[in-house]
Amino acid sequence: MKNGVILKKVEQNDIRCWWEKRYGPQADLEWMKYNGPYFNDPVQSWEEFYDYHQSKTPNNPMRKLIVYNDQIVGEVSAYWEDGKLKQWLEVGIVIFDANSWGHGIGTLAFKQWIKEMFDLFNYLPHIGFTTWSGNVGMQVIGDKIGMKREGIIRKVRYWENQYYDSIKYGILRDEI
């Protein structure tokens, strides 16, 4: 597959299409089974999604849409684990449609995203993400792009009457 993956800043006119792909009536909600399902995040209505994102997301460098073949297929995000200190950056990715999984789109997008974050925050030595043992796809992406499994907290994520591990991945600037 050629690198036809683009990370696009969210613009005001993207919000409706983004919601449609993420939560709309035709959306494939399979991604919600892997994206921290133990938090029980709700499926947001159009109004809830728009009210939340319309003022804080457009042109926000900490969240971008993943575009492949001119279609929104997912999103990447980043947040400060340590709040206002801004020394510990965590990143995430969601590919919305399960039919797009396993084709390398997430790997290409996440690799680009980590590079963008290191470029944007040129003082950071480390970027990481946290997943759970039930999300094998996220672990595969981390491994493929050269991230290290830095820690496992055993049996702390409880989902559907079963305990799973929390898994921390990270990469240093000089490892990319």
C-alpha atoms as a PDB file:
ATOM      1  CA  MET A   1       0.000   0.000   0.000  1.00  0.00           C
ATOM      2  CA  LYS A   2       1.311   3.426  -0.866  1.00  0.00           C
ATOM      3  CA  ASN A   3       1.359   6.003   1.870  1.00  0.00           C
ATOM      4  CA  GLY A   4      -1.999   7.564   1.027  1.00  0.00           C
ATOM      5  CA  VAL A   5      -2.631   8.312   4.687  1.00  0.00           C
ATOM      6  CA  ILE A   6      -3.054  11.990   5.531  1.00  0.00           C
ATOM      7  CA  LEU A   7      -3.360  13.538   8.976  1.00  0.00           C
ATOM      8  CA  LYS A   8      -5.669  16.525   8.602  1.00  0.00           C
ATOM      9  CA  LYS A   9      -6.418  19.279  11.091  1.00  0.00           C
ATOM     10  CA  VAL A  10     -10.076  19.279  12.032  1.00  0.00           C
ATOM     11  CA  GLU A  11     -11.919  22.192  10.446  1.00  0.00           C
ATOM     12  CA  GLN A  12     -15.423  23.360  11.300  1.00  0.00           C
ATOM     13  CA  ASN A  13     -16.836  21.826   8.109  1.00  0.00           C
ATOM     14  CA  ASP A  14     -15.343  18.381   9.014  1.00  0.00           C
ATOM     15  CA  ILE A  15     -17.285  17.948  12.256  1.00  0.00           C
ATOM     16  CA  ARG A  16     -20.474  16.484  10.744  1.00  0.00           C
ATOM     17  CA  CYS A  17     -18.647  13.923   8.589  1.00  0.00           C
ATOM     18  CA  TRP A  18     -16.374  13.051  11.522  1.00  0.00           C
ATOM     19  CA  TRP A  19     -19.410  12.394  13.734  1.00  0.00           C
ATOM     20  CA  GLU A  20     -21.069  10.334  10.966  1.00  0.00           C
ATOM     21  CA  LYS A  21     -17.991   8.084  10.716  1.00  0.00           C
ATOM     22  CA  ARG A  22     -17.549   7.857  14.474  1.00  0.00           C
ATOM     23  CA  TYR A  23     -21.105   7.625  15.853  1.00  0.00           C
ATOM     24  CA  GLY A  24     -23.632   8.232  13.055  1.00  0.00           C
ATOM     25  CA  PRO A  25     -26.472   5.842  12.172  1.00  0.00           C
ATOM     26  CA  GLN A  26     -24.304   3.981   9.641  1.00  0.00           C
ATOM     27  CA  ALA A  27     -21.157   4.011  11.796  1.00  0.00           C
ATOM     28  CA  ASP A  28     -19.366   0.759  12.566  1.00  0.00           C
ATOM     29  CA  LEU A  29     -19.142   0.955  16.354  1.00  0.00           C
ATOM     30  CA  GLU A  30     -16.850  -2.088  16.606  1.00  0.00           C
ATOM     31  CA  TRP A  31     -13.983   0.273  17.550  1.00  0.00           C
ATOM     32  CA  MET A  32     -15.728   1.033  20.846  1.00  0.00           C
ATOM     33  CA  LYS A  33     -15.111  -2.560  21.989  1.00  0.00           C
ATOM     34  CA  TYR A  34     -11.355  -1.885  21.982  1.00  0.00           C
ATOM     35  CA  ASN A  35     -11.033   1.811  22.848  1.00  0.00           C
ATOM     36  CA  GLY A  36     -11.178   1.505  26.640  1.00  0.00           C
ATOM     37  CA  PRO A  37     -14.624  -0.135  26.774  1.00  0.00           C
ATOM     38  CA  TYR A  38     -14.307  -0.471  30.567  1.00  0.00           C
ATOM     39  CA  PHE A  39     -14.921   3.298  30.782  1.00  0.00           C
ATOM     40  CA  ASN A  40     -18.416   2.786  29.295  1.00  0.00           C
ATOM     41  CA  ASP A  41     -18.220   5.906  27.120  1.00  0.00           C
ATOM     42  CA  PRO A  42     -21.595   6.583  25.477  1.00  0.00           C
ATOM     43  CA  VAL A  43     -22.372   6.882  21.776  1.00  0.00           C
ATOM     44  CA  GLN A  44     -22.711  10.637  21.391  1.00  0.00           C
ATOM     45  CA  SER A  45     -25.626  12.240  19.588  1.00  0.00           C
ATOM     46  CA  TRP A  46     -24.857  14.767  16.864  1.00  0.00           C
ATOM     47  CA  GLU A  47     -25.764  17.611  19.234  1.00  0.00           C
ATOM     48  CA  GLU A  48     -23.517  16.343  22.052  1.00  0.00           C
ATOM     49  CA  PHE A  49     -20.603  15.787  19.666  1.00  0.00           C
ATOM     50  CA  TYR A  50     -20.994  19.169  17.982  1.00  0.00           C
ATOM     51  CA  ASP A  51     -21.402  21.061  21.264  1.00  0.00           C
ATOM     52  CA  TYR A  52     -18.206  19.507  22.606  1.00  0.00           C
ATOM     53  CA  HIS A  53     -16.021  19.846  19.493  1.00  0.00           C
ATOM     54  CA  GLN A  54     -17.185  22.968  17.659  1.00  0.00           C
ATOM     55  CA  SER A  55     -15.203  25.415  19.795  1.00  0.00           C
ATOM     56  CA  LYS A  56     -12.231  23.374  21.068  1.00  0.00           C
ATOM     57  CA  THR A  57     -11.275  21.028  18.232  1.00  0.00           C
ATOM     58  CA  PRO A  58     -10.972  22.942  14.923  1.00  0.00           C
ATOM     59  CA  ASN A  59      -7.295  23.615  14.190  1.00  0.00           C
ATOM     60  CA  ASN A  60      -6.271  22.034  17.513  1.00  0.00           C
ATOM     61  CA  PRO A  61      -2.796  20.533  16.941  1.00  0.00           C
ATOM     62  CA  MET A  62      -3.521  17.817  19.542  1.00  0.00           C
ATOM     63  CA  ARG A  63      -6.189  16.079  17.427  1.00  0.00           C
ATOM     64  CA  LYS A  64      -6.297  15.282  13.725  1.00  0.00           C
ATOM     65  CA  LEU A  65      -8.422  13.242  11.390  1.00  0.00           C
ATOM     66  CA  ILE A  66      -6.984  10.285   9.507  1.00  0.00           C
ATOM     67  CA  VAL A  67      -7.910  10.551   5.845  1.00  0.00           C
ATOM     68  CA  TYR A  68      -7.389   7.655   3.440  1.00  0.00           C
ATOM     69  CA  ASN A  69      -8.604   7.624  -0.175  1.00  0.00           C
ATOM     70  CA  ASP A  70     -10.239  11.014   0.485  1.00  0.00           C
ATOM     71  CA  GLN A  71     -12.373   9.580   3.309  1.00  0.00           C
ATOM     72  CA  ILE A  72     -12.181  10.158   7.054  1.00  0.00           C
ATOM     73  CA  VAL A  73     -11.296   6.736   8.486  1.00  0.00           C
ATOM     74  CA  GLY A  74     -10.187   7.642  12.002  1.00  0.00           C
ATOM     75  CA  GLU A  75      -8.501  10.097  14.291  1.00  0.00           C
ATOM     76  CA  VAL A  76      -5.314  10.607  16.264  1.00  0.00           C
ATOM     77  CA  SER A  77      -5.057  12.515  19.508  1.00  0.00           C
ATOM     78  CA  ALA A  78      -2.584  13.616  22.139  1.00  0.00           C
ATOM     79  CA  TYR A  79      -2.921  14.787  25.715  1.00  0.00           C
ATOM     80  CA  TRP A  80      -0.718  15.760  28.619  1.00  0.00           C
ATOM     81  CA  GLU A  81      -0.629  13.016  31.237  1.00  0.00           C
ATOM     82  CA  ASP A  82       0.912  15.514  33.663  1.00  0.00           C
ATOM     83  CA  GLY A  83      -1.446  18.428  32.923  1.00  0.00           C
ATOM     84  CA  LYS A  84       0.076  21.910  32.951  1.00  0.00           C
ATOM     85  CA  LEU A  85       3.634  20.613  33.389  1.00  0.00           C
ATOM     86  CA  LYS A  86       3.556  19.466  29.721  1.00  0.00           C
ATOM     87  CA  GLN A  87       6.434  17.025  29.995  1.00  0.00           C
ATOM     88  CA  TRP A  88       4.595  13.680  29.590  1.00  0.00           C
ATOM     89  CA  LEU A  89       2.727  13.317  26.300  1.00  0.00           C
ATOM     90  CA  GLU A  90       0.387  10.403  25.617  1.00  0.00           C
ATOM     91  CA  VAL A  91      -1.038   9.711  22.148  1.00  0.00           C
ATOM     92  CA  GLY A  92      -3.900   7.661  20.792  1.00  0.00           C
ATOM     93  CA  ILE A  93      -5.479   6.449  17.582  1.00  0.00           C
ATOM     94  CA  VAL A  94      -8.861   5.126  16.491  1.00  0.00           C
ATOM     95  CA  ILE A  95      -9.715   3.640  13.106  1.00  0.00           C
ATOM     96  CA  PHE A  96     -13.512   3.731  12.957  1.00  0.00           C
ATOM     97  CA  ASP A  97     -14.431   1.093  10.391  1.00  0.00           C
ATOM     98  CA  ALA A  98     -13.364  -2.474  11.176  1.00  0.00           C
ATOM     99  CA  ASN A  99     -13.057  -3.111   7.418  1.00  0.00           C
ATOM    100  CA  SER A 100     -10.101  -0.690   7.437  1.00  0.00           C
ATOM    101  CA  TRP A 101      -8.246  -2.637  10.141  1.00  0.00           C
ATOM    102  CA  GLY A 102      -5.279  -4.802   9.233  1.00  0.00           C
ATOM    103  CA  HIS A 103      -4.294  -2.843   6.108  1.00  0.00           C
ATOM    104  CA  GLY A 104      -1.478  -0.758   7.611  1.00  0.00           C
ATOM    105  CA  ILE A 105      -3.490   2.484   7.748  1.00  0.00           C
ATOM    106  CA  GLY A 106      -3.214   2.761  11.534  1.00  0.00           C
ATOM    107  CA  THR A 107       0.497   1.967  11.513  1.00  0.00           C
ATOM    108  CA  LEU A 108       1.244   4.659   8.909  1.00  0.00           C
ATOM    109  CA  ALA A 109      -0.971   7.226  10.616  1.00  0.00           C
ATOM    110  CA  PHE A 110       0.439   6.561  14.098  1.00  0.00           C
ATOM    111  CA  LYS A 111       4.027   6.718  12.881  1.00  0.00           C
ATOM    112  CA  GLN A 112       3.295  10.087  11.229  1.00  0.00           C
ATOM    113  CA  TRP A 113       1.523  11.306  14.369  1.00  0.00           C
ATOM    114  CA  ILE A 114       4.399  10.486  16.683  1.00  0.00           C
ATOM    115  CA  LYS A 115       6.825  12.254  14.342  1.00  0.00           C
ATOM    116  CA  GLU A 116       4.525  15.304  14.229  1.00  0.00           C
ATOM    117  CA  MET A 117       4.303  15.380  18.015  1.00  0.00           C
ATOM    118  CA  PHE A 118       8.093  15.165  18.406  1.00  0.00           C
ATOM    119  CA  ASP A 119       8.416  18.000  15.862  1.00  0.00           C
ATOM    120  CA  LEU A 120       5.760  20.115  17.593  1.00  0.00           C
ATOM    121  CA  PHE A 121       7.204  19.561  21.068  1.00  0.00           C
ATOM    122  CA  ASN A 122      10.899  19.514  20.229  1.00  0.00           C
ATOM    123  CA  TYR A 123      11.936  19.425  23.886  1.00  0.00           C
ATOM    124  CA  LEU A 124      10.261  16.080  24.638  1.00  0.00           C
ATOM    125  CA  PRO A 125      12.479  13.006  24.893  1.00  0.00           C
ATOM    126  CA  HIS A 126       9.568  10.491  25.202  1.00  0.00           C
ATOM    127  CA  ILE A 127       6.052   9.894  23.827  1.00  0.00           C
ATOM    128  CA  GLY A 128       3.840   7.025  24.891  1.00  0.00           C
ATOM    129  CA  PHE A 129       0.442   5.425  24.918  1.00  0.00           C
ATOM    130  CA  THR A 130      -1.486   3.157  27.228  1.00  0.00           C
ATOM    131  CA  THR A 131      -3.678   0.301  26.049  1.00  0.00           C
ATOM    132  CA  TRP A 132      -5.048  -2.913  27.501  1.00  0.00           C
ATOM    133  CA  SER A 133      -4.422  -6.590  26.806  1.00  0.00           C
ATOM    134  CA  GLY A 134      -7.795  -6.872  25.058  1.00  0.00           C
ATOM    135  CA  ASN A 135      -6.630  -4.491  22.314  1.00  0.00           C
ATOM    136  CA  VAL A 136      -4.157  -6.631  20.376  1.00  0.00           C
ATOM    137  CA  GLY A 137      -4.295  -4.316  17.339  1.00  0.00           C
ATOM    138  CA  MET A 138      -2.932  -1.380  19.314  1.00  0.00           C
ATOM    139  CA  GLN A 139      -0.086  -3.515  20.640  1.00  0.00           C
ATOM    140  CA  VAL A 140       0.762  -4.620  17.089  1.00  0.00           C
ATOM    141  CA  ILE A 141       0.911  -0.980  15.944  1.00  0.00           C
ATOM    142  CA  GLY A 142       3.224  -0.082  18.832  1.00  0.00           C
ATOM    143  CA  ASP A 143       5.511  -3.010  18.039  1.00  0.00           C
ATOM    144  CA  LYS A 144       5.543  -2.278  14.287  1.00  0.00           C
ATOM    145  CA  ILE A 145       6.636   1.320  14.716  1.00  0.00           C
ATOM    146  CA  GLY A 146       9.431   0.443  17.115  1.00  0.00           C
ATOM    147  CA  MET A 147       7.863   1.411  20.413  1.00  0.00           C
ATOM    148  CA  LYS A 148       8.917  -0.430  23.543  1.00  0.00           C
ATOM    149  CA  ARG A 149       6.584  -2.155  25.956  1.00  0.00           C
ATOM    150  CA  GLU A 150       7.576  -0.203  29.047  1.00  0.00           C
ATOM    151  CA  GLY A 151       5.236  -1.586  31.639  1.00  0.00           C
ATOM    152  CA  ILE A 152       2.389  -3.925  32.395  1.00  0.00           C
ATOM    153  CA  ILE A 153       0.016  -3.470  35.279  1.00  0.00           C
ATOM    154  CA  ARG A 154      -1.582  -6.845  35.650  1.00  0.00           C
ATOM    155  CA  LYS A 155      -5.306  -7.477  35.986  1.00  0.00           C
ATOM    156  CA  VAL A 156      -6.527  -3.900  36.532  1.00  0.00           C
ATOM    157  CA  ARG A 157      -8.888  -3.361  33.573  1.00  0.00           C
ATOM    158  CA  TYR A 158     -12.237  -4.987  34.286  1.00  0.00           C
ATOM    159  CA  TRP A 159     -14.503  -5.649  31.307  1.00  0.00           C
ATOM    160  CA  GLU A 160     -17.334  -8.146  30.840  1.00  0.00           C
ATOM    161  CA  ASN A 161     -16.598 -10.005  34.083  1.00  0.00           C
ATOM    162  CA  GLN A 162     -12.916 -10.462  33.266  1.00  0.00           C
ATOM    163  CA  TYR A 163      -9.705  -8.727  34.303  1.00  0.00           C
ATOM    164  CA  TYR A 164      -7.182  -7.529  31.693  1.00  0.00           C
ATOM    165  CA  ASP A 165      -3.729  -5.987  31.923  1.00  0.00           C
ATOM    166  CA  SER A 166      -3.014  -2.287  31.343  1.00  0.00           C
ATOM    167  CA  ILE A 167      -0.023  -1.966  28.989  1.00  0.00           C
ATOM    168  CA  LYS A 168       2.237   1.052  28.571  1.00  0.00           C
ATOM    169  CA  TYR A 169       4.257   1.674  25.394  1.00  0.00           C
ATOM    170  CA  GLY A 170       6.788   4.401  24.715  1.00  0.00           C
ATOM    171  CA  ILE A 171       9.373   5.635  22.288  1.00  0.00           C
ATOM    172  CA  LEU A 172      12.292   8.009  22.708  1.00  0.00           C
ATOM    173  CA  ARG A 173      13.041  10.748  20.201  1.00  0.00           C
ATOM    174  CA  ASP A 174      16.328   9.098  19.155  1.00  0.00           C
ATOM    175  CA  GLU A 175      14.522   5.779  18.470  1.00  0.00           C
ATOM    176  CA  ILE A 176      12.308   7.048  15.656  1.00  0.00           C
END
